Amino acid sequence: MNEFATKPNPIDREIIGLLPAAGQATRLAPLPLSKELYPIGFYADSANQPKPKVVSHYLLESMQQAGARKAFFIVRPGKWDIPAYFGDGSRLNLPLGYLTVHVSYGVPFTLDQAYPFVQQAQIIFGFPDILFQPKDAFSHLMAHQTQTHADIVLGLFPTENYHKVGVVEFDDIGRVQQIIEKPAQTTLKYMWAIATWMPTFTQFLHDYLPTCTRDRELPIGDVIQAGIDAGLSVQAVPFANGSYLDIGTPDDLAQAIRSAMTEPTQTHSLSEVK
């Protein structure tokens, strides 16, 4: 196991994973299932039998490796196939809960549904339809948060598709100075895809949303930027040799499937990751 993953959480807070899954998947429609359950490759179960590995399984695996001992999916009505598939998480040895959001104006509003259940927790956050490398990226973020006491730590990945993502400006000691959502032009080379944060940001998010208009979808990067402007400490961990892949478009989904077909079946199940 990577050295970062073995370090204890010095603040002794519960570590909880949050997975927003309230999207419509309009770019892939029509789909016979929620996109978070799209099979991407295989894993070997406890009997060493190959089983389909759905895309959100990868994220849960990375969260558990970094210390999460429970996680919440936040879903909209109609996506009941997600709790039907994962159940209570006992098959994964990771307790899972499900929260619902009936009208979401973006990921921040979806995440805020978890507020009553995670106010004092350290959060591990990722998008359940994005694959990323390295697999232990969350463990690096957790270690960096321990070292810097930052309110938020972002995991950054190289990108050329800056017009589709939130790109990040940061200095040589990792301080995030600006997040720009889907710029038309930029010289910035990194986007953020995963994060860890402390209760200070959970509370900031909860307090900030009532001040927002609901005439457009609000990106979570805009809320993090508002936190920076308000004085929260936001740090970055860039993975120069890392990668990310959003399966939310047909082209990227096809690329993920091709990549999975070239990789050997994993030799462990999620329940064996400690």
Protein backbone atom coordinates (compact mmCIF):
# COMPACT_ATOMS: atom_id res chain seq x y z
CA MET A 1 0.00 0.00 0.00
CA ASN A 2 1.15 3.55 -0.73
CA GLU A 3 2.78 5.24 2.26
CA PHE A 4 0.22 8.04 2.24
CA ALA A 5 -2.64 5.61 2.75
CA THR A 6 -1.18 4.34 6.03
CA LYS A 7 -1.09 7.69 7.77
CA PRO A 8 -3.80 8.13 10.43
CA ASN A 9 -6.22 11.02 10.36
CA PRO A 10 -4.75 13.29 13.08
CA ILE A 11 -7.94 15.28 13.53
CA ASP A 12 -9.80 12.05 14.36
CA ARG A 13 -12.81 12.96 12.24
CA GLU A 14 -15.05 10.51 10.50
CA ILE A 15 -14.16 10.29 6.81
CA ILE A 16 -17.16 10.11 4.49
CA GLY A 17 -17.33 9.83 0.72
CA LEU A 18 -19.87 11.89 -1.24
CA LEU A 19 -20.95 10.89 -4.75
CA PRO A 20 -23.40 13.20 -6.56
CA ALA A 21 -25.51 11.11 -8.92
CA ALA A 22 -28.49 13.32 -9.74
CA GLY A 23 -27.61 14.10 -13.36
CA GLN A 24 -29.78 13.38 -16.38
CA ALA A 25 -27.01 11.89 -18.60
CA THR A 26 -28.51 13.72 -21.58
CA ARG A 27 -25.28 13.42 -23.59
CA LEU A 28 -25.54 9.63 -23.49
CA ALA A 29 -29.31 9.30 -23.74
CA PRO A 30 -31.02 7.00 -24.18
CA LEU A 31 -29.40 4.62 -21.70
CA PRO A 32 -30.97 1.50 -20.19
CA LEU A 33 -29.45 2.27 -16.79
CA SER A 34 -27.92 5.09 -14.77
CA LYS A 35 -24.58 6.07 -16.26
CA GLU A 36 -22.92 5.55 -12.86
CA LEU A 37 -23.63 1.83 -13.34
CA TYR A 38 -22.16 1.51 -16.81
CA PRO A 39 -19.80 -1.50 -16.84
CA ILE A 40 -16.18 -0.57 -17.50
CA GLY A 41 -13.97 -3.63 -17.29
CA PHE A 42 -14.01 -6.47 -14.78
CA TYR A 43 -12.82 -7.31 -11.28
CA ALA A 44 -12.24 -10.65 -9.57
CA ASP A 45 -14.61 -11.37 -6.71
CA SER A 46 -13.73 -13.18 -3.48
CA ALA A 47 -14.03 -16.50 -5.31
CA ASN A 48 -11.65 -15.18 -7.99
CA GLN A 49 -14.46 -15.09 -10.54
CA PRO A 50 -14.60 -12.19 -13.04
CA LYS A 51 -17.48 -9.79 -12.47
CA PRO A 52 -18.41 -6.63 -14.37
CA LYS A 53 -17.01 -3.52 -12.73
CA VAL A 54 -19.26 -0.48 -13.01
CA VAL A 55 -17.73 2.96 -13.33
CA SER A 56 -18.65 4.19 -9.82
CA HIS A 57 -17.04 1.07 -8.31
CA TYR A 58 -13.63 2.58 -9.14
CA LEU A 59 -14.42 5.75 -7.18
CA LEU A 60 -15.71 3.84 -4.16
CA GLU A 61 -12.56 1.73 -4.22
CA SER A 62 -10.33 4.83 -4.20
CA MET A 63 -12.36 6.43 -1.40
CA GLN A 64 -12.10 3.34 0.78
CA GLN A 65 -8.36 3.09 0.19
CA ALA A 66 -7.99 6.66 1.45
CA GLY A 67 -9.83 5.95 4.68
CA ALA A 68 -13.55 6.43 4.00
CA ARG A 69 -15.62 4.11 6.15
CA LYS A 70 -18.97 5.06 4.68
CA ALA A 71 -20.24 6.90 1.62
CA PHE A 72 -23.43 8.54 0.41
CA PHE A 73 -24.81 8.51 -3.09
CA ILE A 74 -27.10 11.48 -3.70
CA VAL A 75 -29.61 10.57 -6.40
CA ARG A 76 -32.70 12.01 -8.04
CA PRO A 77 -35.98 10.08 -8.31
CA GLY A 78 -35.83 7.53 -11.08
CA LYS A 79 -32.26 6.44 -10.40
CA TRP A 80 -33.27 3.68 -8.02
CA ASP A 81 -31.09 1.23 -9.92
CA ILE A 82 -28.07 2.61 -8.04
CA PRO A 83 -29.27 1.56 -4.54
CA ALA A 84 -30.68 -1.62 -6.07
CA TYR A 85 -27.23 -2.50 -7.39
CA PHE A 86 -25.00 -1.51 -4.47
CA GLY A 87 -27.50 -2.07 -1.64
CA ASP A 88 -26.21 -1.33 1.83
CA GLY A 89 -22.62 -1.76 0.69
CA SER A 90 -22.06 -4.99 2.59
CA ARG A 91 -20.89 -6.71 -0.60
CA LEU A 92 -18.19 -4.03 -0.81
CA ASN A 93 -17.43 -3.88 2.91
CA LEU A 94 -18.18 -0.14 2.67
CA PRO A 95 -21.43 1.01 4.30
CA LEU A 96 -23.49 3.01 1.80
CA GLY A 97 -26.40 5.37 2.24
CA TYR A 98 -28.66 7.08 -0.28
CA LEU A 99 -30.06 10.59 -0.20
CA THR A 100 -32.46 12.11 -2.69
CA VAL A 101 -32.67 15.51 -4.31
CA HIS A 102 -35.87 16.28 -6.20
CA VAL A 103 -34.85 19.55 -7.87
CA SER A 104 -31.14 20.17 -8.33
CA TYR A 105 -29.68 23.39 -9.67
CA GLY A 106 -26.23 21.87 -9.90
CA VAL A 107 -23.78 19.72 -7.96
CA PRO A 108 -23.53 22.13 -4.96
CA PHE A 109 -27.26 21.83 -4.28
CA THR A 110 -27.04 18.07 -4.66
CA LEU A 111 -24.16 17.86 -2.18
CA ASP A 112 -25.95 20.06 0.35
CA GLN A 113 -28.59 17.36 0.75
CA ALA A 114 -25.98 15.49 2.79
CA TYR A 115 -25.40 18.43 5.17
CA PRO A 116 -27.39 17.04 8.15
CA PHE A 117 -25.42 13.79 7.98
CA VAL A 118 -21.86 15.02 7.36
CA GLN A 119 -21.50 18.35 9.18
CA GLN A 120 -18.53 17.27 11.29
CA ALA A 121 -16.92 14.84 8.85
CA GLN A 122 -13.92 15.09 6.60
CA ILE A 123 -15.27 14.69 3.09
CA ILE A 124 -13.81 12.79 0.17
CA PHE A 125 -15.52 13.94 -3.02
CA GLY A 126 -15.51 12.67 -6.57
CA PHE A 127 -17.75 12.37 -9.60
CA PRO A 128 -18.97 8.79 -10.03
CA ASP A 129 -18.76 8.96 -13.82
CA ILE A 130 -15.09 10.03 -13.96
CA LEU A 131 -12.16 7.62 -14.00
CA PHE A 132 -8.77 8.86 -12.83
CA GLN A 133 -5.20 7.79 -12.23
CA PRO A 134 -3.32 7.33 -9.97
CA LYS A 135 -5.72 5.12 -8.07
CA ASP A 136 -4.35 6.33 -4.73
CA ALA A 137 -4.84 10.02 -5.55
CA PHE A 138 -7.21 10.54 -2.62
CA SER A 139 -4.57 9.25 -0.22
CA HIS A 140 -2.18 11.93 -1.46
CA LEU A 141 -4.87 14.57 -0.97
CA MET A 142 -5.55 13.38 2.57
CA ALA A 143 -1.84 13.48 3.42
CA HIS A 144 -1.54 16.99 2.00
CA GLN A 145 -4.52 18.14 4.03
CA THR A 146 -2.90 16.75 7.16
CA GLN A 147 0.32 18.63 6.39
CA THR A 148 -1.22 21.98 5.40
CA HIS A 149 -4.45 22.08 7.47
CA ALA A 150 -6.17 23.42 4.35
CA ASP A 151 -9.94 23.71 4.29
CA ILE A 152 -10.02 22.13 0.82
CA VAL A 153 -7.48 20.14 -1.19
CA LEU A 154 -8.06 19.67 -4.91
CA GLY A 155 -6.64 16.89 -7.04
CA LEU A 156 -5.44 18.29 -10.37
CA PHE A 157 -4.94 16.52 -13.68
CA PRO A 158 -3.44 17.72 -16.97
CA THR A 159 -6.03 18.78 -19.52
CA GLU A 160 -6.24 19.97 -23.08
CA ASN A 161 -10.04 20.18 -23.02
CA TYR A 162 -10.07 23.33 -20.89
CA HIS A 163 -13.35 24.51 -22.43
CA LYS A 164 -15.16 21.55 -20.81
CA VAL A 165 -13.77 21.70 -17.26
CA GLY A 166 -12.79 23.88 -14.31
CA VAL A 167 -9.16 24.87 -14.75
CA VAL A 168 -7.03 25.89 -11.78
CA GLU A 169 -4.42 28.55 -11.20
CA PHE A 170 -2.08 27.72 -8.32
CA ASP A 171 1.31 28.85 -7.10
CA ASP A 172 4.53 26.92 -6.56
CA ILE A 173 3.59 25.91 -3.01
CA GLY A 174 0.18 24.61 -4.00
CA ARG A 175 -2.06 27.50 -2.99
CA VAL A 176 -5.06 27.73 -5.29
CA GLN A 177 -5.62 31.27 -6.46
CA GLN A 178 -8.39 30.89 -9.00
CA ILE A 179 -10.77 28.36 -10.53
CA ILE A 180 -12.14 29.22 -13.96
CA GLU A 181 -15.08 27.21 -15.25
CA LYS A 182 -14.99 26.25 -18.94
CA PRO A 183 -12.93 29.15 -20.27
CA ALA A 184 -12.97 29.94 -23.99
CA GLN A 185 -9.19 30.48 -23.87
CA THR A 186 -6.56 29.93 -21.18
CA THR A 187 -2.91 29.10 -20.64
CA LEU A 188 -3.70 27.03 -17.54
CA LYS A 189 -2.78 23.37 -17.91
CA TYR A 190 -4.57 21.64 -15.03
CA MET A 191 -8.19 20.92 -14.19
CA TRP A 192 -9.57 19.62 -10.90
CA ALA A 193 -11.60 16.41 -10.67
CA ILE A 194 -11.47 15.24 -7.03
CA ALA A 195 -11.30 16.91 -3.63
CA THR A 196 -11.17 16.50 0.11
CA TRP A 197 -12.54 19.10 2.49
CA MET A 198 -13.10 19.86 6.13
CA PRO A 199 -16.32 20.88 7.95
CA THR A 200 -15.41 24.53 7.35
CA PHE A 201 -16.25 24.13 3.66
CA THR A 202 -19.31 21.95 4.31
CA GLN A 203 -20.67 24.81 6.43
CA PHE A 204 -19.62 27.47 3.91
CA LEU A 205 -21.41 25.59 1.13
CA HIS A 206 -24.57 25.29 3.22
CA ASP A 207 -24.57 28.98 4.10
CA TYR A 208 -23.63 30.17 0.62
CA LEU A 209 -26.32 28.43 -1.43
CA PRO A 210 -29.28 30.50 -0.16
CA THR A 211 -27.56 33.58 -1.60
CA CYS A 212 -27.37 32.06 -5.10
CA THR A 213 -29.84 32.62 -7.90
CA ARG A 214 -31.34 29.50 -9.45
CA ASP A 215 -31.62 30.68 -13.04
CA ARG A 216 -28.61 28.59 -14.12
CA GLU A 217 -26.79 25.45 -13.07
CA LEU A 218 -24.20 26.36 -10.43
CA PRO A 219 -20.79 24.61 -10.79
CA ILE A 220 -19.15 23.41 -7.58
CA GLY A 221 -15.97 25.19 -8.77
CA ASP A 222 -17.80 28.52 -8.45
CA VAL A 223 -18.58 27.76 -4.80
CA ILE A 224 -14.96 26.81 -4.10
CA GLN A 225 -13.90 30.09 -5.74
CA ALA A 226 -16.32 31.94 -3.47
CA GLY A 227 -14.68 30.17 -0.54
CA ILE A 228 -11.25 31.34 -1.69
CA ASP A 229 -12.60 34.91 -1.93
CA ALA A 230 -13.99 34.55 1.60
CA GLY A 231 -10.62 33.47 3.00
CA LEU A 232 -10.79 29.68 3.02
CA SER A 233 -7.47 27.91 2.50
CA VAL A 234 -7.53 25.89 -0.73
CA GLN A 235 -4.56 23.78 -1.73
CA ALA A 236 -3.79 21.74 -4.84
CA VAL A 237 -2.03 18.46 -5.45
CA PRO A 238 -1.15 18.22 -9.17
CA PHE A 239 -0.65 14.79 -10.71
CA ALA A 240 1.61 15.64 -13.63
CA ASN A 241 1.55 12.06 -14.91
CA GLY A 242 -2.05 11.46 -13.92
CA SER A 243 -5.11 11.20 -16.10
CA TYR A 244 -8.87 11.55 -15.93
CA LEU A 245 -11.67 10.43 -18.21
CA ASP A 246 -15.30 11.57 -18.04
CA ILE A 247 -17.49 8.81 -19.48
CA GLY A 248 -20.41 11.23 -19.87
CA THR A 249 -19.93 11.58 -23.64
CA PRO A 250 -20.09 8.81 -26.26
CA ASP A 251 -16.49 9.36 -27.41
CA ASP A 252 -15.05 9.25 -23.90
CA LEU A 253 -17.20 6.25 -22.97
CA ALA A 254 -15.86 4.39 -26.00
CA GLN A 255 -12.30 5.30 -24.96
CA ALA A 256 -12.92 3.99 -21.42
CA ILE A 257 -14.26 0.71 -22.76
CA ARG A 258 -11.27 0.28 -25.08
CA SER A 259 -8.85 0.98 -22.22
CA ALA A 260 -10.60 -1.48 -19.92
CA MET A 261 -10.39 -4.20 -22.56
CA THR A 262 -6.60 -3.91 -22.64
CA GLU A 263 -6.18 -4.22 -18.85
CA PRO A 264 -6.08 -7.54 -16.98
CA THR A 265 -8.94 -8.37 -14.62
CA GLN A 266 -8.16 -7.05 -11.16
CA THR A 267 -7.17 -9.66 -8.63
CA HIS A 268 -9.12 -8.27 -5.71
CA SER A 269 -12.61 -7.12 -4.94
CA LEU A 270 -13.44 -3.86 -3.24
CA SER A 271 -14.16 -5.76 -0.04
CA GLU A 272 -10.50 -6.81 0.08
CA VAL A 273 -9.14 -3.26 -0.06
CA LYS A 274 -8.20 -2.26 3.49
